[in-house]
Amino acid sequence: MRSAAECRDGLVRQVSGAVLWQTSIERLSAEGVRTFVEVGPGHVLGGLIKKIAKAAHVAHVEDPHSLEHALATLTAASPAGA
């Protein structure tokens, strides 16, 4: 982008365009991704991931305590030496 007008137009397209959430999660799952981390308040995205990719594990982080829990869970679930 080289001008303010291009930036404005790009932002409008980004905000009003399709998200393709399901397509993105299906693609990641097909590529072998099994672990997702949702960052922020709430669990909506994690719930959507679980509906799309049944085998997925979703960790949730919204504060220091949940970060520690997610890190411990992810570390325990990772293959040795990874």
PDB file of N, CA and C in Angstrom:
ATOM      1  N   MET A   1       0.849  -1.168   0.000  1.00  0.00           N
ATOM      2  CA  MET A   1       0.000   0.000   0.000  1.00  0.00           C
ATOM      3  C   MET A   1       0.897   1.234   0.000  1.00  0.00           C
ATOM      4  N   ARG A   2       0.523   2.141  -0.815  1.00  0.00           N
ATOM      5  CA  ARG A   2       1.365   3.336  -0.969  1.00  0.00           C
ATOM      6  C   ARG A   2       0.660   4.632  -0.597  1.00  0.00           C
ATOM      7  N   SER A   3      -0.643   4.578  -0.342  1.00  0.00           N
ATOM      8  CA  SER A   3      -1.351   5.819  -0.018  1.00  0.00           C
ATOM      9  C   SER A   3      -2.383   5.558   1.075  1.00  0.00           C
ATOM     10  N   ALA A   4      -2.851   6.654   1.670  1.00  0.00           N
ATOM     11  CA  ALA A   4      -3.882   6.548   2.705  1.00  0.00           C
ATOM     12  C   ALA A   4      -5.154   5.940   2.120  1.00  0.00           C
ATOM     13  N   ALA A   5      -5.487   6.305   0.887  1.00  0.00           N
ATOM     14  CA  ALA A   5      -6.694   5.772   0.249  1.00  0.00           C
ATOM     15  C   ALA A   5      -6.591   4.253   0.075  1.00  0.00           C
ATOM     16  N   GLU A   6      -5.427   3.763  -0.326  1.00  0.00           N
ATOM     17  CA  GLU A   6      -5.236   2.315  -0.467  1.00  0.00           C
ATOM     18  C   GLU A   6      -5.377   1.623   0.883  1.00  0.00           C
ATOM     19  N   CYS A   7      -4.841   2.228   1.920  1.00  0.00           N
ATOM     20  CA  CYS A   7      -4.955   1.653   3.264  1.00  0.00           C
ATOM     21  C   CYS A   7      -6.406   1.604   3.702  1.00  0.00           C
ATOM     22  N   ARG A   8      -7.143   2.710   3.505  1.00  0.00           N
ATOM     23  CA  ARG A   8      -8.559   2.741   3.860  1.00  0.00           C
ATOM     24  C   ARG A   8      -9.332   1.657   3.120  1.00  0.00           C
ATOM     25  N   ASP A   9      -9.117   1.560   1.813  1.00  0.00           N
ATOM     26  CA  ASP A   9      -9.819   0.558   1.015  1.00  0.00           C
ATOM     27  C   ASP A   9      -9.474  -0.854   1.485  1.00  0.00           C
ATOM     28  N   GLY A  10      -8.216  -1.089   1.783  1.00  0.00           N
ATOM     29  CA  GLY A  10      -7.783  -2.399   2.262  1.00  0.00           C
ATOM     30  C   GLY A  10      -8.428  -2.757   3.593  1.00  0.00           C
ATOM     31  N   LEU A  11      -8.504  -1.785   4.504  1.00  0.00           N
ATOM     32  CA  LEU A  11      -9.132  -2.041   5.804  1.00  0.00           C
ATOM     33  C   LEU A  11     -10.622  -2.333   5.657  1.00  0.00           C
ATOM     34  N   VAL A  12     -11.299  -1.604   4.781  1.00  0.00           N
ATOM     35  CA  VAL A  12     -12.722  -1.852   4.552  1.00  0.00           C
ATOM     36  C   VAL A  12     -12.922  -3.263   4.007  1.00  0.00           C
ATOM     37  N   ARG A  13     -12.108  -3.674   3.044  1.00  0.00           N
ATOM     38  CA  ARG A  13     -12.222  -5.031   2.493  1.00  0.00           C
ATOM     39  C   ARG A  13     -11.943  -6.082   3.565  1.00  0.00           C
ATOM     40  N   GLN A  14     -10.956  -5.822   4.407  1.00  0.00           N
ATOM     41  CA  GLN A  14     -10.598  -6.789   5.446  1.00  0.00           C
ATOM     42  C   GLN A  14     -11.718  -6.944   6.468  1.00  0.00           C
ATOM     43  N   VAL A  15     -12.313  -5.845   6.879  1.00  0.00           N
ATOM     44  CA  VAL A  15     -13.357  -5.890   7.900  1.00  0.00           C
ATOM     45  C   VAL A  15     -14.663  -6.450   7.342  1.00  0.00           C
ATOM     46  N   SER A  16     -14.960  -6.181   6.097  1.00  0.00           N
ATOM     47  CA  SER A  16     -16.246  -6.592   5.535  1.00  0.00           C
ATOM     48  C   SER A  16     -16.167  -7.890   4.729  1.00  0.00           C
ATOM     49  N   GLY A  17     -14.967  -8.395   4.512  1.00  0.00           N
ATOM     50  CA  GLY A  17     -14.805  -9.607   3.706  1.00  0.00           C
ATOM     51  C   GLY A  17     -15.056 -10.882   4.488  1.00  0.00           C
ATOM     52  N   ALA A  18     -15.178 -11.966   3.754  1.00  0.00           N
ATOM     53  CA  ALA A  18     -15.401 -13.282   4.365  1.00  0.00           C
ATOM     54  C   ALA A  18     -14.179 -13.719   5.162  1.00  0.00           C
ATOM     55  N   VAL A  19     -14.427 -14.369   6.283  1.00  0.00           N
ATOM     56  CA  VAL A  19     -13.349 -14.817   7.163  1.00  0.00           C
ATOM     57  C   VAL A  19     -12.797 -16.169   6.725  1.00  0.00           C
ATOM     58  N   LEU A  20     -13.631 -17.030   6.205  1.00  0.00           N
ATOM     59  CA  LEU A  20     -13.237 -18.381   5.793  1.00  0.00           C
ATOM     60  C   LEU A  20     -12.698 -19.193   6.976  1.00  0.00           C
ATOM     61  N   TRP A  21     -13.328 -19.020   8.133  1.00  0.00           N
ATOM     62  CA  TRP A  21     -12.878 -19.688   9.362  1.00  0.00           C
ATOM     63  C   TRP A  21     -12.905 -21.202   9.214  1.00  0.00           C
ATOM     64  N   GLN A  22     -14.037 -21.746   8.801  1.00  0.00           N
ATOM     65  CA  GLN A  22     -14.154 -23.197   8.692  1.00  0.00           C
ATOM     66  C   GLN A  22     -13.144 -23.748   7.697  1.00  0.00           C
ATOM     67  N   THR A  23     -13.009 -23.092   6.570  1.00  0.00           N
ATOM     68  CA  THR A  23     -12.040 -23.528   5.554  1.00  0.00           C
ATOM     69  C   THR A  23     -10.628 -23.523   6.118  1.00  0.00           C
ATOM     70  N   SER A  24     -10.310 -22.495   6.886  1.00  0.00           N
ATOM     71  CA  SER A  24      -8.964 -22.388   7.473  1.00  0.00           C
ATOM     72  C   SER A  24      -8.694 -23.504   8.470  1.00  0.00           C
ATOM     73  N   ILE A  25      -9.660 -23.782   9.346  1.00  0.00           N
ATOM     74  CA  ILE A  25      -9.480 -24.834  10.349  1.00  0.00           C
ATOM     75  C   ILE A  25      -9.425 -26.206   9.681  1.00  0.00           C
ATOM     76  N   GLU A  26     -10.270 -26.432   8.684  1.00  0.00           N
ATOM     77  CA  GLU A  26     -10.224 -27.705   7.953  1.00  0.00           C
ATOM     78  C   GLU A  26      -8.877 -27.897   7.277  1.00  0.00           C
ATOM     79  N   ARG A  27      -8.339 -26.842   6.717  1.00  0.00           N
ATOM     80  CA  ARG A  27      -7.030 -26.932   6.043  1.00  0.00           C
ATOM     81  C   ARG A  27      -5.934 -27.247   7.051  1.00  0.00           C
ATOM     82  N   LEU A  28      -5.931 -26.525   8.176  1.00  0.00           N
ATOM     83  CA  LEU A  28      -4.920 -26.783   9.205  1.00  0.00           C
ATOM     84  C   LEU A  28      -5.022 -28.223   9.709  1.00  0.00           C
ATOM     85  N   SER A  29      -6.238 -28.692   9.929  1.00  0.00           N
ATOM     86  CA  SER A  29      -6.440 -30.057  10.395  1.00  0.00           C
ATOM     87  C   SER A  29      -5.940 -31.066   9.359  1.00  0.00           C
ATOM     88  N   ALA A  30      -6.240 -30.824   8.093  1.00  0.00           N
ATOM     89  CA  ALA A  30      -5.777 -31.709   7.021  1.00  0.00           C
ATOM     90  C   ALA A  30      -4.258 -31.726   6.919  1.00  0.00           C
ATOM     91  N   GLU A  31      -3.629 -30.626   7.317  1.00  0.00           N
ATOM     92  CA  GLU A  31      -2.164 -30.536   7.278  1.00  0.00           C
ATOM     93  C   GLU A  31      -1.527 -31.137   8.526  1.00  0.00           C
ATOM     94  N   GLY A  32      -2.350 -31.649   9.451  1.00  0.00           N
ATOM     95  CA  GLY A  32      -1.819 -32.326  10.624  1.00  0.00           C
ATOM     96  C   GLY A  32      -1.813 -31.524  11.910  1.00  0.00           C
ATOM     97  N   VAL A  33      -2.327 -30.315  11.886  1.00  0.00           N
ATOM     98  CA  VAL A  33      -2.375 -29.510  13.108  1.00  0.00           C
ATOM     99  C   VAL A  33      -3.439 -30.105  14.023  1.00  0.00           C
ATOM    100  N   ARG A  34      -3.070 -30.394  15.252  1.00  0.00           N
ATOM    101  CA  ARG A  34      -4.000 -30.969  16.219  1.00  0.00           C
ATOM    102  C   ARG A  34      -4.146 -30.098  17.465  1.00  0.00           C
ATOM    103  N   THR A  35      -3.256 -29.136  17.650  1.00  0.00           N
ATOM    104  CA  THR A  35      -3.281 -28.291  18.835  1.00  0.00           C
ATOM    105  C   THR A  35      -3.447 -26.838  18.424  1.00  0.00           C
ATOM    106  N   PHE A  36      -4.422 -26.185  19.049  1.00  0.00           N
ATOM    107  CA  PHE A  36      -4.706 -24.784  18.795  1.00  0.00           C
ATOM    108  C   PHE A  36      -4.687 -24.047  20.127  1.00  0.00           C
ATOM    109  N   VAL A  37      -4.299 -22.777  20.111  1.00  0.00           N
ATOM    110  CA  VAL A  37      -4.302 -21.958  21.320  1.00  0.00           C
ATOM    111  C   VAL A  37      -5.177 -20.737  21.053  1.00  0.00           C
ATOM    112  N   GLU A  38      -6.251 -20.618  21.820  1.00  0.00           N
ATOM    113  CA  GLU A  38      -7.133 -19.457  21.728  1.00  0.00           C
ATOM    114  C   GLU A  38      -6.654 -18.433  22.746  1.00  0.00           C
ATOM    115  N   VAL A  39      -6.399 -17.218  22.287  1.00  0.00           N
ATOM    116  CA  VAL A  39      -5.901 -16.159  23.157  1.00  0.00           C
ATOM    117  C   VAL A  39      -6.953 -15.068  23.252  1.00  0.00           C
ATOM    118  N   GLY A  40      -7.332 -14.724  24.471  1.00  0.00           N
ATOM    119  CA  GLY A  40      -8.315 -13.674  24.694  1.00  0.00           C
ATOM    120  C   GLY A  40      -9.467 -14.190  25.525  1.00  0.00           C
ATOM    121  N   PRO A  41     -10.368 -13.284  25.907  1.00  0.00           N
ATOM    122  CA  PRO A  41     -11.486 -13.688  26.755  1.00  0.00           C
ATOM    123  C   PRO A  41     -12.485 -14.554  26.003  1.00  0.00           C
ATOM    124  N   GLY A  42     -13.083 -15.485  26.699  1.00  0.00           N
ATOM    125  CA  GLY A  42     -14.098 -16.342  26.108  1.00  0.00           C
ATOM    126  C   GLY A  42     -13.526 -17.594  25.472  1.00  0.00           C
ATOM    127  N   HIS A  43     -14.444 -18.480  25.075  1.00  0.00           N
ATOM    128  CA  HIS A  43     -14.048 -19.771  24.505  1.00  0.00           C
ATOM    129  C   HIS A  43     -14.768 -20.044  23.183  1.00  0.00           C
ATOM    130  N   VAL A  44     -15.273 -19.004  22.545  1.00  0.00           N
ATOM    131  CA  VAL A  44     -16.075 -19.181  21.332  1.00  0.00           C
ATOM    132  C   VAL A  44     -15.270 -19.821  20.211  1.00  0.00           C
ATOM    133  N   LEU A  45     -14.095 -19.302  19.925  1.00  0.00           N
ATOM    134  CA  LEU A  45     -13.308 -19.839  18.814  1.00  0.00           C
ATOM    135  C   LEU A  45     -12.876 -21.274  19.082  1.00  0.00           C
ATOM    136  N   GLY A  46     -12.495 -21.557  20.317  1.00  0.00           N
ATOM    137  CA  GLY A  46     -12.123 -22.921  20.665  1.00  0.00           C
ATOM    138  C   GLY A  46     -13.278 -23.889  20.464  1.00  0.00           C
ATOM    139  N   GLY A  47     -14.480 -23.458  20.811  1.00  0.00           N
ATOM    140  CA  GLY A  47     -15.655 -24.287  20.600  1.00  0.00           C
ATOM    141  C   GLY A  47     -15.904 -24.535  19.119  1.00  0.00           C
ATOM    142  N   LEU A  48     -15.726 -23.503  18.303  1.00  0.00           N
ATOM    143  CA  LEU A  48     -15.882 -23.671  16.857  1.00  0.00           C
ATOM    144  C   LEU A  48     -14.833 -24.626  16.302  1.00  0.00           C
ATOM    145  N   ILE A  49     -13.610 -24.519  16.796  1.00  0.00           N
ATOM    146  CA  ILE A  49     -12.543 -25.420  16.340  1.00  0.00           C
ATOM    147  C   ILE A  49     -12.915 -26.862  16.651  1.00  0.00           C
ATOM    148  N   LYS A  50     -13.394 -27.115  17.861  1.00  0.00           N
ATOM    149  CA  LYS A  50     -13.753 -28.480  18.259  1.00  0.00           C
ATOM    150  C   LYS A  50     -14.896 -29.035  17.417  1.00  0.00           C
ATOM    151  N   LYS A  51     -15.815 -28.183  16.965  1.00  0.00           N
ATOM    152  CA  LYS A  51     -16.910 -28.649  16.103  1.00  0.00           C
ATOM    153  C   LYS A  51     -16.401 -29.003  14.713  1.00  0.00           C
ATOM    154  N   ILE A  52     -15.397 -28.276  14.244  1.00  0.00           N
ATOM    155  CA  ILE A  52     -14.873 -28.490  12.891  1.00  0.00           C
ATOM    156  C   ILE A  52     -13.859 -29.632  12.873  1.00  0.00           C
ATOM    157  N   ALA A  53     -12.936 -29.618  13.828  1.00  0.00           N
ATOM    158  CA  ALA A  53     -11.856 -30.622  13.892  1.00  0.00           C
ATOM    159  C   ALA A  53     -12.007 -31.387  15.206  1.00  0.00           C
ATOM    160  N   LYS A  54     -12.750 -32.469  15.154  1.00  0.00           N
ATOM    161  CA  LYS A  54     -13.111 -33.221  16.366  1.00  0.00           C
ATOM    162  C   LYS A  54     -11.902 -33.691  17.177  1.00  0.00           C
ATOM    163  N   ALA A  55     -10.793 -33.995  16.516  1.00  0.00           N
ATOM    164  CA  ALA A  55      -9.609 -34.501  17.209  1.00  0.00           C
ATOM    165  C   ALA A  55      -8.721 -33.391  17.766  1.00  0.00           C
ATOM    166  N   ALA A  56      -9.091 -32.154  17.559  1.00  0.00           N
ATOM    167  CA  ALA A  56      -8.245 -31.033  17.972  1.00  0.00           C
ATOM    168  C   ALA A  56      -8.218 -30.876  19.493  1.00  0.00           C
ATOM    169  N   HIS A  57      -7.088 -30.420  19.973  1.00  0.00           N
ATOM    170  CA  HIS A  57      -6.938 -30.012  21.377  1.00  0.00           C
ATOM    171  C   HIS A  57      -6.830 -28.490  21.364  1.00  0.00           C
ATOM    172  N   VAL A  58      -7.648 -27.830  22.178  1.00  0.00           N
ATOM    173  CA  VAL A  58      -7.637 -26.369  22.217  1.00  0.00           C
ATOM    174  C   VAL A  58      -7.237 -25.910  23.610  1.00  0.00           C
ATOM    175  N   ALA A  59      -6.154 -25.157  23.690  1.00  0.00           N
ATOM    176  CA  ALA A  59      -5.740 -24.532  24.951  1.00  0.00           C
ATOM    177  C   ALA A  59      -6.251 -23.098  24.927  1.00  0.00           C
ATOM    178  N   HIS A  60      -6.597 -22.579  26.088  1.00  0.00           N
ATOM    179  CA  HIS A  60      -7.165 -21.237  26.172  1.00  0.00           C
ATOM    180  C   HIS A  60      -6.301 -20.374  27.089  1.00  0.00           C
ATOM    181  N   VAL A  61      -5.960 -19.181  26.622  1.00  0.00           N
ATOM    182  CA  VAL A  61      -5.133 -18.261  27.407  1.00  0.00           C
ATOM    183  C   VAL A  61      -5.806 -16.901  27.448  1.00  0.00           C
ATOM    184  N   GLU A  62      -6.077 -16.427  28.669  1.00  0.00           N
ATOM    185  CA  GLU A  62      -6.638 -15.090  28.802  1.00  0.00           C
ATOM    186  C   GLU A  62      -6.021 -14.290  29.949  1.00  0.00           C
ATOM    187  N   ASP A  63      -5.188 -14.934  30.757  1.00  0.00           N
ATOM    188  CA  ASP A  63      -4.532 -14.255  31.868  1.00  0.00           C
ATOM    189  C   ASP A  63      -3.296 -15.068  32.270  1.00  0.00           C
ATOM    190  N   PRO A  64      -2.481 -14.547  33.203  1.00  0.00           N
ATOM    191  CA  PRO A  64      -1.260 -15.276  33.573  1.00  0.00           C
ATOM    192  C   PRO A  64      -1.528 -16.702  34.084  1.00  0.00           C
ATOM    193  N   HIS A  65      -2.594 -16.885  34.842  1.00  0.00           N
ATOM    194  CA  HIS A  65      -2.895 -18.220  35.376  1.00  0.00           C
ATOM    195  C   HIS A  65      -3.223 -19.199  34.254  1.00  0.00           C
ATOM    196  N   SER A  66      -4.080 -18.779  33.317  1.00  0.00           N
ATOM    197  CA  SER A  66      -4.439 -19.682  32.217  1.00  0.00           C
ATOM    198  C   SER A  66      -3.257 -19.911  31.281  1.00  0.00           C
ATOM    199  N   LEU A  67      -2.344 -18.942  31.184  1.00  0.00           N
ATOM    200  CA  LEU A  67      -1.132 -19.134  30.395  1.00  0.00           C
ATOM    201  C   LEU A  67      -0.275 -20.234  31.015  1.00  0.00           C
ATOM    202  N   GLU A  68      -0.094 -20.175  32.331  1.00  0.00           N
ATOM    203  CA  GLU A  68       0.687 -21.215  33.016  1.00  0.00           C
ATOM    204  C   GLU A  68       0.045 -22.585  32.818  1.00  0.00           C
ATOM    205  N   HIS A  69      -1.269 -22.656  32.938  1.00  0.00           N
ATOM    206  CA  HIS A  69      -1.972 -23.928  32.762  1.00  0.00           C
ATOM    207  C   HIS A  69      -1.801 -24.444  31.330  1.00  0.00           C
ATOM    208  N   ALA A  70      -1.969 -23.567  30.347  1.00  0.00           N
ATOM    209  CA  ALA A  70      -1.826 -23.971  28.942  1.00  0.00           C
ATOM    210  C   ALA A  70      -0.411 -24.455  28.661  1.00  0.00           C
ATOM    211  N   LEU A  71       0.577 -23.738  29.161  1.00  0.00           N
ATOM    212  CA  LEU A  71       1.971 -24.146  28.937  1.00  0.00           C
ATOM    213  C   LEU A  71       2.251 -25.512  29.563  1.00  0.00           C
ATOM    214  N   ALA A  72       1.745 -25.734  30.768  1.00  0.00           N
ATOM    215  CA  ALA A  72       1.955 -27.021  31.431  1.00  0.00           C
ATOM    216  C   ALA A  72       1.270 -28.136  30.656  1.00  0.00           C
ATOM    217  N   THR A  73       0.059 -27.891  30.201  1.00  0.00           N
ATOM    218  CA  THR A  73      -0.683 -28.893  29.442  1.00  0.00           C
ATOM    219  C   THR A  73       0.000 -29.194  28.113  1.00  0.00           C
ATOM    220  N   LEU A  74       0.407 -28.144  27.414  1.00  0.00           N
ATOM    221  CA  LEU A  74       1.040 -28.330  26.110  1.00  0.00           C
ATOM    222  C   LEU A  74       2.400 -29.017  26.251  1.00  0.00           C
ATOM    223  N   THR A  75       3.132 -28.688  27.296  1.00  0.00           N
ATOM    224  CA  THR A  75       4.440 -29.310  27.522  1.00  0.00           C
ATOM    225  C   THR A  75       4.270 -30.795  27.835  1.00  0.00           C
ATOM    226  N   ALA A  76       3.279 -31.108  28.653  1.00  0.00           N
ATOM    227  CA  ALA A  76       3.045 -32.505  29.027  1.00  0.00           C
ATOM    228  C   ALA A  76       2.579 -33.334  27.808  1.00  0.00           C
ATOM    229  N   ALA A  77       1.868 -32.696  26.895  1.00  0.00           N
ATOM    230  CA  ALA A  77       1.327 -33.412  25.738  1.00  0.00           C
ATOM    231  C   ALA A  77       2.303 -33.512  24.584  1.00  0.00           C
ATOM    232  N   SER A  78       3.382 -32.731  24.605  1.00  0.00           N
ATOM    233  CA  SER A  78       4.316 -32.760  23.478  1.00  0.00           C
ATOM    234  C   SER A  78       5.216 -33.988  23.539  1.00  0.00           C
ATOM    235  N   PRO A  79       5.633 -34.499  22.380  1.00  0.00           N
ATOM    236  CA  PRO A  79       6.530 -35.653  22.355  1.00  0.00           C
ATOM    237  C   PRO A  79       7.855 -35.323  23.037  1.00  0.00           C
ATOM    238  N   ALA A  80       8.444 -36.283  23.668  1.00  0.00           N
ATOM    239  CA  ALA A  80       9.726 -36.082  24.341  1.00  0.00           C
ATOM    240  C   ALA A  80      10.767 -35.565  23.362  1.00  0.00           C
ATOM    241  N   GLY A  81      11.454 -34.548  23.798  1.00  0.00           N
ATOM    242  CA  GLY A  81      12.528 -33.996  22.974  1.00  0.00           C
ATOM    243  C   GLY A  81      12.074 -32.995  21.934  1.00  0.00           C
ATOM    244  N   ALA A  82      10.759 -32.747  21.880  1.00  0.00           N
ATOM    245  CA  ALA A  82      10.255 -31.796  20.866  1.00  0.00           C
ATOM    246  C   ALA A  82      10.369 -30.377  21.349  1.00  0.00           C
TER     247      ALA A  82
END
